[in-house]
Every structure is written in structure tokens, then in C-alpha cells.
Amino acid sequence: MPKKKLTPEQIEEQKRLEFDLDLATQCARLKALQEREQAMFNEFQLQRDKLNHFWIIAKKQLEDKKAELRNKEREIQVSVAARSPQRPPPRAEAAPLCHRCFVLCPCLGEPRRMSSSATAARSRC
């Protein structure tokens, strides 16, 4: 059977149909790709939200534990202070230590080494 000769309009119509078919397959492929990427995005967004939620909870727990630790330390300090004898507050000016070898010179306010003339030094001040 001999092939029919196609007219230019028929050839043009056939080319247009092939082009439309190519466009339809490319469109379907791109739509599937877009749906796959959207599903991956949703999955990553869920993972991000879970991680963010975990971070918030862990940070809150850390703050709670720090507050508990501060309270325990305060309780320990109070209990130690209650058990220890009350000490008088330290003096602003502590006098120099008295020792056999040293004598406090009242006029200078500093210790001096006692010499043989210790009595003279005492009488002088």
C-alpha cells in the first residue's frame, strides 16, 4: 500500500500534536517533581519544628534546674550560718599584734621592736 502524501496543513497539525504531547509529558514530570519537593519541604519543616520545640523545653528545664540549685545553695548557706557561732563583725582598724618583743607605739600607731630602752620608748609616747 502506498503511503498517502500529507498536505502541509496535516504535517503542521502532526507537528503541533507532537509538541503538545511533549509539553504535556514535561508538565507532568515537573508537577511530580514539585509535589516531591513540597513533601520534602513539609518533612523538613516538621523536623525543624520538633527540634525547636525540644530546644525550648530543654532550655526551660535548664533554667528550672539552675533555680533549684540556687535555692539549695541558699538553704545550705542559711543552715551553715545557723549552726556556726556568731562572730563579731571585724574591726575597721585592727591593732597590731602584741608580742613579747613588740610594743605598740600610741603616737605612731605602728609596732616598734622593743630595745633595752623599752621603758624610755613607753614613756616618750
PDB file of N, CA and C in Angstrom:
ATOM      1  N   MET A   1       0.814  -1.170   0.000  1.00  0.00           N
ATOM      2  CA  MET A   1       0.000   0.000   0.000  1.00  0.00           C
ATOM      3  C   MET A   1       0.868   1.248   0.000  1.00  0.00           C
ATOM      4  N   PRO A   2       0.658   2.028  -0.882  1.00  0.00           N
ATOM      5  CA  PRO A   2       1.438   3.242  -0.944  1.00  0.00           C
ATOM      6  C   PRO A   2       0.981   4.238   0.131  1.00  0.00           C
ATOM      7  N   LYS A   3       1.939   4.973   0.668  1.00  0.00           N
ATOM      8  CA  LYS A   3       1.616   5.958   1.689  1.00  0.00           C
ATOM      9  C   LYS A   3       0.984   7.157   1.015  1.00  0.00           C
ATOM     10  N   LYS A   4       0.052   7.729   1.800  1.00  0.00           N
ATOM     11  CA  LYS A   4      -0.568   8.936   1.299  1.00  0.00           C
ATOM     12  C   LYS A   4       0.364  10.102   1.527  1.00  0.00           C
ATOM     13  N   LYS A   5       0.327  10.927   0.619  1.00  0.00           N
ATOM     14  CA  LYS A   5       1.083  12.144   0.793  1.00  0.00           C
ATOM     15  C   LYS A   5       0.299  13.080   1.675  1.00  0.00           C
ATOM     16  N   LEU A   6       0.985  13.601   2.708  1.00  0.00           N
ATOM     17  CA  LEU A   6       0.317  14.507   3.636  1.00  0.00           C
ATOM     18  C   LEU A   6       0.411  15.931   3.114  1.00  0.00           C
ATOM     19  N   THR A   7      -0.633  16.623   3.356  1.00  0.00           N
ATOM     20  CA  THR A   7      -0.657  18.021   2.949  1.00  0.00           C
ATOM     21  C   THR A   7       0.124  18.851   3.973  1.00  0.00           C
ATOM     22  N   PRO A   8       0.542  20.011   3.613  1.00  0.00           N
ATOM     23  CA  PRO A   8       1.279  20.853   4.566  1.00  0.00           C
ATOM     24  C   PRO A   8       0.470  21.151   5.831  1.00  0.00           C
ATOM     25  N   GLU A   9      -0.854  21.294   5.719  1.00  0.00           N
ATOM     26  CA  GLU A   9      -1.668  21.532   6.905  1.00  0.00           C
ATOM     27  C   GLU A   9      -1.644  20.325   7.828  1.00  0.00           C
ATOM     28  N   GLN A  10      -1.695  19.117   7.245  1.00  0.00           N
ATOM     29  CA  GLN A  10      -1.661  17.904   8.050  1.00  0.00           C
ATOM     30  C   GLN A  10      -0.294  17.726   8.732  1.00  0.00           C
ATOM     31  N   ILE A  11       0.750  18.054   8.001  1.00  0.00           N
ATOM     32  CA  ILE A  11       2.099  17.972   8.593  1.00  0.00           C
ATOM     33  C   ILE A  11       2.209  18.961   9.755  1.00  0.00           C
ATOM     34  N   GLU A  12       1.681  20.151   9.547  1.00  0.00           N
ATOM     35  CA  GLU A  12       1.710  21.170  10.601  1.00  0.00           C
ATOM     36  C   GLU A  12       0.887  20.709  11.806  1.00  0.00           C
ATOM     37  N   GLU A  13      -0.251  20.101  11.550  1.00  0.00           N
ATOM     38  CA  GLU A  13      -1.107  19.594  12.643  1.00  0.00           C
ATOM     39  C   GLU A  13      -0.389  18.478  13.400  1.00  0.00           C
ATOM     40  N   GLN A  14       0.293  17.598  12.699  1.00  0.00           N
ATOM     41  CA  GLN A  14       1.026  16.499  13.330  1.00  0.00           C
ATOM     42  C   GLN A  14       2.168  17.039  14.195  1.00  0.00           C
ATOM     43  N   LYS A  15       2.891  18.033  13.712  1.00  0.00           N
ATOM     44  CA  LYS A  15       3.963  18.653  14.497  1.00  0.00           C
ATOM     45  C   LYS A  15       3.398  19.322  15.752  1.00  0.00           C
ATOM     46  N   ARG A  16       2.244  19.998  15.598  1.00  0.00           N
ATOM     47  CA  ARG A  16       1.627  20.652  16.738  1.00  0.00           C
ATOM     48  C   ARG A  16       1.192  19.637  17.793  1.00  0.00           C
ATOM     49  N   LEU A  17       0.645  18.496  17.350  1.00  0.00           N
ATOM     50  CA  LEU A  17       0.223  17.447  18.285  1.00  0.00           C
ATOM     51  C   LEU A  17       1.434  16.836  19.017  1.00  0.00           C
ATOM     52  N   GLU A  18       2.516  16.625  18.301  1.00  0.00           N
ATOM     53  CA  GLU A  18       3.732  16.097  18.937  1.00  0.00           C
ATOM     54  C   GLU A  18       4.282  17.098  19.959  1.00  0.00           C
ATOM     55  N   PHE A  19       4.255  18.383  19.600  1.00  0.00           N
ATOM     56  CA  PHE A  19       4.723  19.412  20.520  1.00  0.00           C
ATOM     57  C   PHE A  19       3.851  19.463  21.772  1.00  0.00           C
ATOM     58  N   ASP A  20       2.513  19.376  21.574  1.00  0.00           N
ATOM     59  CA  ASP A  20       1.586  19.368  22.711  1.00  0.00           C
ATOM     60  C   ASP A  20       1.825  18.150  23.595  1.00  0.00           C
ATOM     61  N   LEU A  21       2.096  17.000  22.973  1.00  0.00           N
ATOM     62  CA  LEU A  21       2.370  15.781  23.738  1.00  0.00           C
ATOM     63  C   LEU A  21       3.662  15.938  24.542  1.00  0.00           C
ATOM     64  N   ASP A  22       4.689  16.507  23.932  1.00  0.00           N
ATOM     65  CA  ASP A  22       5.945  16.761  24.660  1.00  0.00           C
ATOM     66  C   ASP A  22       5.727  17.722  25.834  1.00  0.00           C
ATOM     67  N   LEU A  23       4.944  18.784  25.583  1.00  0.00           N
ATOM     68  CA  LEU A  23       4.652  19.734  26.655  1.00  0.00           C
ATOM     69  C   LEU A  23       3.879  19.066  27.791  1.00  0.00           C
ATOM     70  N   ALA A  24       2.947  18.212  27.466  1.00  0.00           N
ATOM     71  CA  ALA A  24       2.147  17.542  28.487  1.00  0.00           C
ATOM     72  C   ALA A  24       3.023  16.613  29.333  1.00  0.00           C
ATOM     73  N   THR A  25       3.927  15.868  28.686  1.00  0.00           N
ATOM     74  CA  THR A  25       4.808  14.973  29.459  1.00  0.00           C
ATOM     75  C   THR A  25       5.769  15.784  30.326  1.00  0.00           C
ATOM     76  N   GLN A  26       6.312  16.871  29.788  1.00  0.00           N
ATOM     77  CA  GLN A  26       7.206  17.712  30.574  1.00  0.00           C
ATOM     78  C   GLN A  26       6.451  18.342  31.743  1.00  0.00           C
ATOM     79  N   CYS A  27       5.219  18.769  31.519  1.00  0.00           N
ATOM     80  CA  CYS A  27       4.399  19.363  32.575  1.00  0.00           C
ATOM     81  C   CYS A  27       4.117  18.330  33.675  1.00  0.00           C
ATOM     82  N   ALA A  28       3.801  17.107  33.292  1.00  0.00           N
ATOM     83  CA  ALA A  28       3.539  16.052  34.275  1.00  0.00           C
ATOM     84  C   ALA A  28       4.803  15.747  35.083  1.00  0.00           C
ATOM     85  N   ARG A  29       5.949  15.702  34.413  1.00  0.00           N
ATOM     86  CA  ARG A  29       7.218  15.442  35.102  1.00  0.00           C
ATOM     87  C   ARG A  29       7.529  16.563  36.092  1.00  0.00           C
ATOM     88  N   LEU A  30       7.341  17.825  35.676  1.00  0.00           N
ATOM     89  CA  LEU A  30       7.604  18.952  36.563  1.00  0.00           C
ATOM     90  C   LEU A  30       6.629  18.993  37.739  1.00  0.00           C
ATOM     91  N   LYS A  31       5.373  18.635  37.500  1.00  0.00           N
ATOM     92  CA  LYS A  31       4.387  18.601  38.575  1.00  0.00           C
ATOM     93  C   LYS A  31       4.748  17.532  39.602  1.00  0.00           C
ATOM     94  N   ALA A  32       5.188  16.372  39.142  1.00  0.00           N
ATOM     95  CA  ALA A  32       5.607  15.315  40.065  1.00  0.00           C
ATOM     96  C   ALA A  32       6.829  15.769  40.870  1.00  0.00           C
ATOM     97  N   LEU A  33       7.763  16.441  40.211  1.00  0.00           N
ATOM     98  CA  LEU A  33       8.947  16.956  40.895  1.00  0.00           C
ATOM     99  C   LEU A  33       8.554  17.992  41.951  1.00  0.00           C
ATOM    100  N   GLN A  34       7.630  18.869  41.597  1.00  0.00           N
ATOM    101  CA  GLN A  34       7.171  19.894  42.542  1.00  0.00           C
ATOM    102  C   GLN A  34       6.473  19.256  43.742  1.00  0.00           C
ATOM    103  N   GLU A  35       5.662  18.251  43.513  1.00  0.00           N
ATOM    104  CA  GLU A  35       4.975  17.559  44.616  1.00  0.00           C
ATOM    105  C   GLU A  35       5.980  16.856  45.530  1.00  0.00           C
ATOM    106  N   ARG A  36       6.991  16.259  44.944  1.00  0.00           N
ATOM    107  CA  ARG A  36       8.026  15.576  45.730  1.00  0.00           C
ATOM    108  C   ARG A  36       8.797  16.590  46.587  1.00  0.00           C
ATOM    109  N   GLU A  37       9.150  17.720  45.990  1.00  0.00           N
ATOM    110  CA  GLU A  37       9.861  18.754  46.738  1.00  0.00           C
ATOM    111  C   GLU A  37       8.981  19.351  47.834  1.00  0.00           C
ATOM    112  N   GLN A  38       7.686  19.503  47.563  1.00  0.00           N
ATOM    113  CA  GLN A  38       6.763  20.012  48.579  1.00  0.00           C
ATOM    114  C   GLN A  38       6.676  19.030  49.753  1.00  0.00           C
ATOM    115  N   ALA A  39       6.640  17.740  49.455  1.00  0.00           N
ATOM    116  CA  ALA A  39       6.594  16.733  50.522  1.00  0.00           C
ATOM    117  C   ALA A  39       7.877  16.770  51.344  1.00  0.00           C
ATOM    118  N   MET A  40       9.028  16.919  50.672  1.00  0.00           N
ATOM    119  CA  MET A  40      10.296  17.011  51.396  1.00  0.00           C
ATOM    120  C   MET A  40      10.335  18.272  52.254  1.00  0.00           C
ATOM    121  N   PHE A  41       9.852  19.376  51.722  1.00  0.00           N
ATOM    122  CA  PHE A  41       9.817  20.624  52.487  1.00  0.00           C
ATOM    123  C   PHE A  41       8.965  20.453  53.739  1.00  0.00           C
ATOM    124  N   ASN A  42       7.794  19.828  53.585  1.00  0.00           N
ATOM    125  CA  ASN A  42       6.922  19.608  54.736  1.00  0.00           C
ATOM    126  C   ASN A  42       7.610  18.731  55.783  1.00  0.00           C
ATOM    127  N   GLU A  43       8.315  17.705  55.323  1.00  0.00           N
ATOM    128  CA  GLU A  43       9.044  16.821  56.245  1.00  0.00           C
ATOM    129  C   GLU A  43      10.133  17.594  57.003  1.00  0.00           C
ATOM    130  N   PHE A  44      10.895  18.402  56.278  1.00  0.00           N
ATOM    131  CA  PHE A  44      11.954  19.184  56.924  1.00  0.00           C
ATOM    132  C   PHE A  44      11.359  20.224  57.881  1.00  0.00           C
ATOM    133  N   GLN A  45      10.233  20.811  57.511  1.00  0.00           N
ATOM    134  CA  GLN A  45       9.583  21.787  58.386  1.00  0.00           C
ATOM    135  C   GLN A  45       9.128  21.122  59.681  1.00  0.00           C
ATOM    136  N   LEU A  46       8.584  19.920  59.590  1.00  0.00           N
ATOM    137  CA  LEU A  46       8.178  19.182  60.793  1.00  0.00           C
ATOM    138  C   LEU A  46       9.384  18.876  61.677  1.00  0.00           C
ATOM    139  N   GLN A  47      10.478  18.455  61.059  1.00  0.00           N
ATOM    140  CA  GLN A  47      11.687  18.164  61.831  1.00  0.00           C
ATOM    141  C   GLN A  47      12.210  19.440  62.496  1.00  0.00           C
ATOM    142  N   ARG A  48      12.174  20.550  61.777  1.00  0.00           N
ATOM    143  CA  ARG A  48      12.628  21.825  62.334  1.00  0.00           C
ATOM    144  C   ARG A  48      11.756  22.224  63.521  1.00  0.00           C
ATOM    145  N   ASP A  49      10.444  22.075  63.370  1.00  0.00           N
ATOM    146  CA  ASP A  49       9.535  22.421  64.461  1.00  0.00           C
ATOM    147  C   ASP A  49       9.765  21.533  65.680  1.00  0.00           C
ATOM    148  N   LYS A  50       9.989  20.240  65.459  1.00  0.00           N
ATOM    149  CA  LYS A  50      10.267  19.325  66.573  1.00  0.00           C
ATOM    150  C   LYS A  50      11.550  19.729  67.292  1.00  0.00           C
ATOM    151  N   LEU A  51      12.582  20.036  66.517  1.00  0.00           N
ATOM    152  CA  LEU A  51      13.863  20.434  67.104  1.00  0.00           C
ATOM    153  C   LEU A  51      13.718  21.746  67.877  1.00  0.00           C
ATOM    154  N   ASN A  52      13.002  22.698  67.331  1.00  0.00           N
ATOM    155  CA  ASN A  52      12.786  23.974  68.005  1.00  0.00           C
ATOM    156  C   ASN A  52      12.004  23.760  69.305  1.00  0.00           C
ATOM    157  N   HIS A  53      10.988  22.920  69.252  1.00  0.00           N
ATOM    158  CA  HIS A  53      10.191  22.614  70.442  1.00  0.00           C
ATOM    159  C   HIS A  53      11.068  21.939  71.496  1.00  0.00           C
ATOM    160  N   PHE A  54      11.895  21.005  71.079  1.00  0.00           N
ATOM    161  CA  PHE A  54      12.810  20.332  72.004  1.00  0.00           C
ATOM    162  C   PHE A  54      13.756  21.344  72.640  1.00  0.00           C
ATOM    163  N   TRP A  55      14.275  22.274  71.847  1.00  0.00           N
ATOM    164  CA  TRP A  55      15.198  23.292  72.350  1.00  0.00           C
ATOM    165  C   TRP A  55      14.515  24.152  73.414  1.00  0.00           C
ATOM    166  N   ILE A  56      13.292  24.551  73.167  1.00  0.00           N
ATOM    167  CA  ILE A  56      12.558  25.381  74.121  1.00  0.00           C
ATOM    168  C   ILE A  56      12.349  24.620  75.424  1.00  0.00           C
ATOM    169  N   ILE A  57      11.963  23.352  75.339  1.00  0.00           N
ATOM    170  CA  ILE A  57      11.730  22.545  76.539  1.00  0.00           C
ATOM    171  C   ILE A  57      13.032  22.343  77.299  1.00  0.00           C
ATOM    172  N   ALA A  58      14.110  22.027  76.599  1.00  0.00           N
ATOM    173  CA  ALA A  58      15.403  21.801  77.259  1.00  0.00           C
ATOM    174  C   ALA A  58      15.898  23.075  77.931  1.00  0.00           C
ATOM    175  N   LYS A  59      15.711  24.214  77.290  1.00  0.00           N
ATOM    176  CA  LYS A  59      16.136  25.488  77.872  1.00  0.00           C
ATOM    177  C   LYS A  59      15.335  25.776  79.136  1.00  0.00           C
ATOM    178  N   LYS A  60      14.044  25.518  79.111  1.00  0.00           N
ATOM    179  CA  LYS A  60      13.198  25.725  80.286  1.00  0.00           C
ATOM    180  C   LYS A  60      13.625  24.797  81.420  1.00  0.00           C
ATOM    181  N   GLN A  61      13.910  23.538  81.107  1.00  0.00           N
ATOM    182  CA  GLN A  61      14.359  22.598  82.129  1.00  0.00           C
ATOM    183  C   GLN A  61      15.685  23.042  82.733  1.00  0.00           C
ATOM    184  N   LEU A  62      16.592  23.551  81.894  1.00  0.00           N
ATOM    185  CA  LEU A  62      17.875  24.041  82.398  1.00  0.00           C
ATOM    186  C   LEU A  62      17.666  25.210  83.357  1.00  0.00           C
ATOM    187  N   GLU A  63      16.807  26.142  82.988  1.00  0.00           N
ATOM    188  CA  GLU A  63      16.527  27.274  83.870  1.00  0.00           C
ATOM    189  C   GLU A  63      15.918  26.804  85.193  1.00  0.00           C
ATOM    190  N   ASP A  64      15.021  25.821  85.132  1.00  0.00           N
ATOM    191  CA  ASP A  64      14.420  25.276  86.356  1.00  0.00           C
ATOM    192  C   ASP A  64      15.475  24.638  87.255  1.00  0.00           C
ATOM    193  N   LYS A  65      16.374  23.876  86.658  1.00  0.00           N
ATOM    194  CA  LYS A  65      17.429  23.213  87.442  1.00  0.00           C
ATOM    195  C   LYS A  65      18.373  24.241  88.060  1.00  0.00           C
ATOM    196  N   LYS A  66      18.697  25.297  87.317  1.00  0.00           N
ATOM    197  CA  LYS A  66      19.556  26.350  87.864  1.00  0.00           C
ATOM    198  C   LYS A  66      18.870  27.031  89.051  1.00  0.00           C
ATOM    199  N   ALA A  67      17.566  27.274  88.928  1.00  0.00           N
ATOM    200  CA  ALA A  67      16.830  27.901  90.027  1.00  0.00           C
ATOM    201  C   ALA A  67      16.815  26.976  91.245  1.00  0.00           C
ATOM    202  N   GLU A  68      16.608  25.682  91.022  1.00  0.00           N
ATOM    203  CA  GLU A  68      16.648  24.715  92.128  1.00  0.00           C
ATOM    204  C   GLU A  68      18.021  24.710  92.794  1.00  0.00           C
ATOM    205  N   LEU A  69      19.066  24.754  92.002  1.00  0.00           N
ATOM    206  CA  LEU A  69      20.424  24.757  92.542  1.00  0.00           C
ATOM    207  C   LEU A  69      20.678  26.018  93.374  1.00  0.00           C
ATOM    208  N   ARG A  70      20.239  27.169  92.869  1.00  0.00           N
ATOM    209  CA  ARG A  70      20.391  28.405  93.642  1.00  0.00           C
ATOM    210  C   ARG A  70      19.649  28.314  94.970  1.00  0.00           C
ATOM    211  N   ASN A  71      18.433  27.770  94.938  1.00  0.00           N
ATOM    212  CA  ASN A  71      17.662  27.641  96.177  1.00  0.00           C
ATOM    213  C   ASN A  71      18.350  26.700  97.156  1.00  0.00           C
ATOM    214  N   LYS A  72      18.872  25.587  96.673  1.00  0.00           N
ATOM    215  CA  LYS A  72      19.575  24.638  97.546  1.00  0.00           C
ATOM    216  C   LYS A  72      20.809  25.295  98.157  1.00  0.00           C
ATOM    217  N   GLU A  73      21.581  26.042  97.356  1.00  0.00           N
ATOM    218  CA  GLU A  73      22.768  26.717  97.877  1.00  0.00           C
ATOM    219  C   GLU A  73      22.396  27.736  98.947  1.00  0.00           C
ATOM    220  N   ARG A  74      21.290  28.454  98.734  1.00  0.00           N
ATOM    221  CA  ARG A  74      20.830  29.399  99.741  1.00  0.00           C
ATOM    222  C   ARG A  74      20.448  28.681 101.030  1.00  0.00           C
ATOM    223  N   GLU A  75      19.735  27.550 100.881  1.00  0.00           N
ATOM    224  CA  GLU A  75      19.353  26.774 102.067  1.00  0.00           C
ATOM    225  C   GLU A  75      20.588  26.295 102.820  1.00  0.00           C
ATOM    226  N   ILE A  76      21.588  25.832 102.090  1.00  0.00           N
ATOM    227  CA  ILE A  76      22.825  25.356 102.727  1.00  0.00           C
ATOM    228  C   ILE A  76      23.511  26.506 103.449  1.00  0.00           C
ATOM    229  N   GLN A  77      23.593  27.663 102.831  1.00  0.00           N
ATOM    230  CA  GLN A  77      24.226  28.811 103.471  1.00  0.00           C
ATOM    231  C   GLN A  77      23.480  29.213 104.738  1.00  0.00           C
ATOM    232  N   VAL A  78      22.157  29.182 104.687  1.00  0.00           N
ATOM    233  CA  VAL A  78      21.367  29.546 105.857  1.00  0.00           C
ATOM    234  C   VAL A  78      21.571  28.534 106.974  1.00  0.00           C
ATOM    235  N   SER A  79      21.577  27.241 106.617  1.00  0.00           N
ATOM    236  CA  SER A  79      21.749  26.215 107.652  1.00  0.00           C
ATOM    237  C   SER A  79      23.154  26.268 108.245  1.00  0.00           C
ATOM    238  N   VAL A  80      24.169  26.525 107.434  1.00  0.00           N
ATOM    239  CA  VAL A  80      25.540  26.640 107.946  1.00  0.00           C
ATOM    240  C   VAL A  80      25.649  27.871 108.834  1.00  0.00           C
ATOM    241  N   ALA A  81      25.045  28.968 108.432  1.00  0.00           N
ATOM    242  CA  ALA A  81      25.092  30.185 109.239  1.00  0.00           C
ATOM    243  C   ALA A  81      24.352  29.981 110.562  1.00  0.00           C
ATOM    244  N   ALA A  82      23.281  29.216 110.556  1.00  0.00           N
ATOM    245  CA  ALA A  82      22.533  28.968 111.788  1.00  0.00           C
ATOM    246  C   ALA A  82      23.329  28.085 112.734  1.00  0.00           C
ATOM    247  N   ARG A  83      24.097  27.152 112.214  1.00  0.00           N
ATOM    248  CA  ARG A  83      24.876  26.228 113.053  1.00  0.00           C
ATOM    249  C   ARG A  83      26.154  26.851 113.589  1.00  0.00           C
ATOM    250  N   SER A  84      26.754  27.764 112.836  1.00  0.00           N
ATOM    251  CA  SER A  84      28.036  28.330 113.256  1.00  0.00           C
ATOM    252  C   SER A  84      27.805  29.407 114.314  1.00  0.00           C
ATOM    253  N   PRO A  85      28.731  29.543 115.278  1.00  0.00           N
ATOM    254  CA  PRO A  85      28.568  30.587 116.308  1.00  0.00           C
ATOM    255  C   PRO A  85      28.684  31.963 115.662  1.00  0.00           C
ATOM    256  N   GLN A  86      27.984  32.898 116.279  1.00  0.00           N
ATOM    257  CA  GLN A  86      28.009  34.255 115.751  1.00  0.00           C
ATOM    258  C   GLN A  86      29.354  34.897 116.038  1.00  0.00           C
ATOM    259  N   ARG A  87      29.979  35.404 115.043  1.00  0.00           N
ATOM    260  CA  ARG A  87      31.261  36.084 115.187  1.00  0.00           C
ATOM    261  C   ARG A  87      31.009  37.583 115.213  1.00  0.00           C
ATOM    262  N   PRO A  88      31.784  38.297 116.014  1.00  0.00           N
ATOM    263  CA  PRO A  88      31.609  39.749 115.993  1.00  0.00           C
ATOM    264  C   PRO A  88      32.104  40.291 114.648  1.00  0.00           C
ATOM    265  N   PRO A  89      31.532  41.382 114.205  1.00  0.00           N
ATOM    266  CA  PRO A  89      31.994  41.943 112.924  1.00  0.00           C
ATOM    267  C   PRO A  89      33.440  42.389 113.049  1.00  0.00           C
ATOM    268  N   PRO A  90      34.210  42.282 111.993  1.00  0.00           N
ATOM    269  CA  PRO A  90      35.623  42.667 112.063  1.00  0.00           C
ATOM    270  C   PRO A  90      35.759  44.173 112.304  1.00  0.00           C
ATOM    271  N   ARG A  91      36.791  44.522 113.061  1.00  0.00           N
ATOM    272  CA  ARG A  91      37.037  45.931 113.359  1.00  0.00           C
ATOM    273  C   ARG A  91      37.591  46.621 112.121  1.00  0.00           C
ATOM    274  N   ALA A  92      37.314  47.896 112.069  1.00  0.00           N
ATOM    275  CA  ALA A  92      37.819  48.658 110.923  1.00  0.00           C
ATOM    276  C   ALA A  92      39.335  48.767 110.992  1.00  0.00           C
ATOM    277  N   GLU A  93      39.857  49.075 112.172  1.00  0.00           N
ATOM    278  CA  GLU A  93      41.302  49.161 112.351  1.00  0.00           C
ATOM    279  C   GLU A  93      41.704  48.139 113.383  1.00  0.00           C
ATOM    280  N   ALA A  94      42.404  47.154 112.955  1.00  0.00           N
ATOM    281  CA  ALA A  94      42.877  46.145 113.896  1.00  0.00           C
ATOM    282  C   ALA A  94      44.213  46.608 114.456  1.00  0.00           C
ATOM    283  N   ALA A  95      44.359  46.494 115.764  1.00  0.00           N
ATOM    284  CA  ALA A  95      45.615  46.883 116.397  1.00  0.00           C
ATOM    285  C   ALA A  95      46.675  45.862 116.059  1.00  0.00           C
ATOM    286  N   PRO A  96      47.921  46.263 115.975  1.00  0.00           N
ATOM    287  CA  PRO A  96      48.981  45.309 115.705  1.00  0.00           C
ATOM    288  C   PRO A  96      49.066  44.286 116.831  1.00  0.00           C
ATOM    289  N   LEU A  97      49.471  43.087 116.479  1.00  0.00           N
ATOM    290  CA  LEU A  97      49.558  42.022 117.472  1.00  0.00           C
ATOM    291  C   LEU A  97      50.590  42.364 118.538  1.00  0.00           C
ATOM    292  N   CYS A  98      50.219  42.096 119.769  1.00  0.00           N
ATOM    293  CA  CYS A  98      51.162  42.307 120.865  1.00  0.00           C
ATOM    294  C   CYS A  98      51.959  41.029 121.058  1.00  0.00           C
ATOM    295  N   HIS A  99      53.209  41.187 121.219  1.00  0.00           N
ATOM    296  CA  HIS A  99      54.093  40.055 121.450  1.00  0.00           C
ATOM    297  C   HIS A  99      55.144  40.518 122.440  1.00  0.00           C
ATOM    298  N   ARG A 100      55.830  39.601 122.993  1.00  0.00           N
ATOM    299  CA  ARG A 100      56.837  39.974 123.978  1.00  0.00           C
ATOM    300  C   ARG A 100      57.859  40.940 123.397  1.00  0.00           C
ATOM    301  N   CYS A 101      58.172  40.757 122.138  1.00  0.00           N
ATOM    302  CA  CYS A 101      59.239  41.552 121.540  1.00  0.00           C
ATOM    303  C   CYS A 101      58.748  42.876 120.980  1.00  0.00           C
ATOM    304  N   PHE A 102      57.435  43.046 120.839  1.00  0.00           N
ATOM    305  CA  PHE A 102      56.925  44.258 120.208  1.00  0.00           C
ATOM    306  C   PHE A 102      56.092  45.055 121.187  1.00  0.00           C
ATOM    307  N   VAL A 103      56.105  46.335 121.005  1.00  0.00           N
ATOM    308  CA  VAL A 103      55.331  47.237 121.840  1.00  0.00           C
ATOM    309  C   VAL A 103      54.591  48.179 120.899  1.00  0.00           C
ATOM    310  N   LEU A 104      53.364  48.494 121.198  1.00  0.00           N
ATOM    311  CA  LEU A 104      52.579  49.387 120.353  1.00  0.00           C
ATOM    312  C   LEU A 104      52.910  50.825 120.714  1.00  0.00           C
ATOM    313  N   CYS A 105      53.288  51.579 119.731  1.00  0.00           N
ATOM    314  CA  CYS A 105      53.620  52.977 119.958  1.00  0.00           C
ATOM    315  C   CYS A 105      52.359  53.792 119.685  1.00  0.00           C
ATOM    316  N   PRO A 106      51.716  54.354 120.723  1.00  0.00           N
ATOM    317  CA  PRO A 106      50.446  55.032 120.516  1.00  0.00           C
ATOM    318  C   PRO A 106      50.562  56.287 119.662  1.00  0.00           C
ATOM    319  N   CYS A 107      51.661  56.959 119.713  1.00  0.00           N
ATOM    320  CA  CYS A 107      51.760  58.194 118.934  1.00  0.00           C
ATOM    321  C   CYS A 107      51.890  57.909 117.445  1.00  0.00           C
ATOM    322  N   LEU A 108      52.543  56.804 117.087  1.00  0.00           N
ATOM    323  CA  LEU A 108      52.731  56.485 115.665  1.00  0.00           C
ATOM    324  C   LEU A 108      51.731  55.445 115.174  1.00  0.00           C
ATOM    325  N   GLY A 109      51.183  54.654 116.062  1.00  0.00           N
ATOM    326  CA  GLY A 109      50.218  53.637 115.684  1.00  0.00           C
ATOM    327  C   GLY A 109      50.845  52.468 114.972  1.00  0.00           C
ATOM    328  N   GLU A 110      52.124  52.276 115.150  1.00  0.00           N
ATOM    329  CA  GLU A 110      52.783  51.149 114.495  1.00  0.00           C
ATOM    330  C   GLU A 110      53.661  50.440 115.521  1.00  0.00           C
ATOM    331  N   PRO A 111      53.876  49.161 115.334  1.00  0.00           N
ATOM    332  CA  PRO A 111      54.687  48.433 116.305  1.00  0.00           C
ATOM    333  C   PRO A 111      56.156  48.794 116.159  1.00  0.00           C
ATOM    334  N   ARG A 112      56.843  48.773 117.279  1.00  0.00           N
ATOM    335  CA  ARG A 112      58.295  49.014 117.284  1.00  0.00           C
ATOM    336  C   ARG A 112      58.935  47.868 118.021  1.00  0.00           C
ATOM    337  N   ARG A 113      60.109  47.542 117.612  1.00  0.00           N
ATOM    338  CA  ARG A 113      60.843  46.481 118.284  1.00  0.00           C
ATOM    339  C   ARG A 113      61.344  47.034 119.618  1.00  0.00           C
ATOM    340  N   MET A 114      61.079  46.233 120.626  1.00  0.00           N
ATOM    341  CA  MET A 114      61.463  46.669 121.957  1.00  0.00           C
ATOM    342  C   MET A 114      62.964  46.525 122.119  1.00  0.00           C
ATOM    343  N   SER A 115      63.613  47.560 122.576  1.00  0.00           N
ATOM    344  CA  SER A 115      65.058  47.533 122.804  1.00  0.00           C
ATOM    345  C   SER A 115      65.319  47.592 124.309  1.00  0.00           C
ATOM    346  N   SER A 116      66.541  47.778 124.625  1.00  0.00           N
ATOM    347  CA  SER A 116      66.887  47.865 126.037  1.00  0.00           C
ATOM    348  C   SER A 116      66.283  49.108 126.663  1.00  0.00           C
ATOM    349  N   SER A 117      66.023  50.074 125.826  1.00  0.00           N
ATOM    350  CA  SER A 117      65.425  51.293 126.355  1.00  0.00           C
ATOM    351  C   SER A 117      63.910  51.267 126.145  1.00  0.00           C
ATOM    352  N   ALA A 118      63.299  50.118 126.425  1.00  0.00           N
ATOM    353  CA  ALA A 118      61.865  49.962 126.228  1.00  0.00           C
ATOM    354  C   ALA A 118      61.080  50.867 127.121  1.00  0.00           C
ATOM    355  N   THR A 119      61.528  51.029 128.274  1.00  0.00           N
ATOM    356  CA  THR A 119      60.817  51.894 129.208  1.00  0.00           C
ATOM    357  C   THR A 119      60.891  53.326 128.737  1.00  0.00           C
ATOM    358  N   ALA A 120      62.003  53.698 128.122  1.00  0.00           N
ATOM    359  CA  ALA A 120      62.145  55.070 127.625  1.00  0.00           C
ATOM    360  C   ALA A 120      61.183  55.299 126.467  1.00  0.00           C
ATOM    361  N   ALA A 121      61.014  54.296 125.628  1.00  0.00           N
ATOM    362  CA  ALA A 121      60.109  54.415 124.498  1.00  0.00           C
ATOM    363  C   ALA A 121      58.677  54.536 124.982  1.00  0.00           C
ATOM    364  N   ARG A 122      58.336  53.803 126.019  1.00  0.00           N
ATOM    365  CA  ARG A 122      56.988  53.862 126.546  1.00  0.00           C
ATOM    366  C   ARG A 122      56.706  55.228 127.163  1.00  0.00           C
ATOM    367  N   SER A 123      57.663  55.721 127.838  1.00  0.00           N
ATOM    368  CA  SER A 123      57.466  56.993 128.496  1.00  0.00           C
ATOM    369  C   SER A 123      57.410  58.141 127.487  1.00  0.00           C
ATOM    370  N   ARG A 124      58.133  57.976 126.372  1.00  0.00           N
ATOM    371  CA  ARG A 124      58.189  59.028 125.365  1.00  0.00           C
ATOM    372  C   ARG A 124      56.820  59.192 124.680  1.00  0.00           C
ATOM    373  N   CYS A 125      56.076  58.081 124.441  1.00  0.00           N
ATOM    374  CA  CYS A 125      54.791  58.132 123.771  1.00  0.00           C
ATOM    375  C   CYS A 125      53.763  58.501 124.771  1.00  0.00           C
TER     376      CYS A 125
END
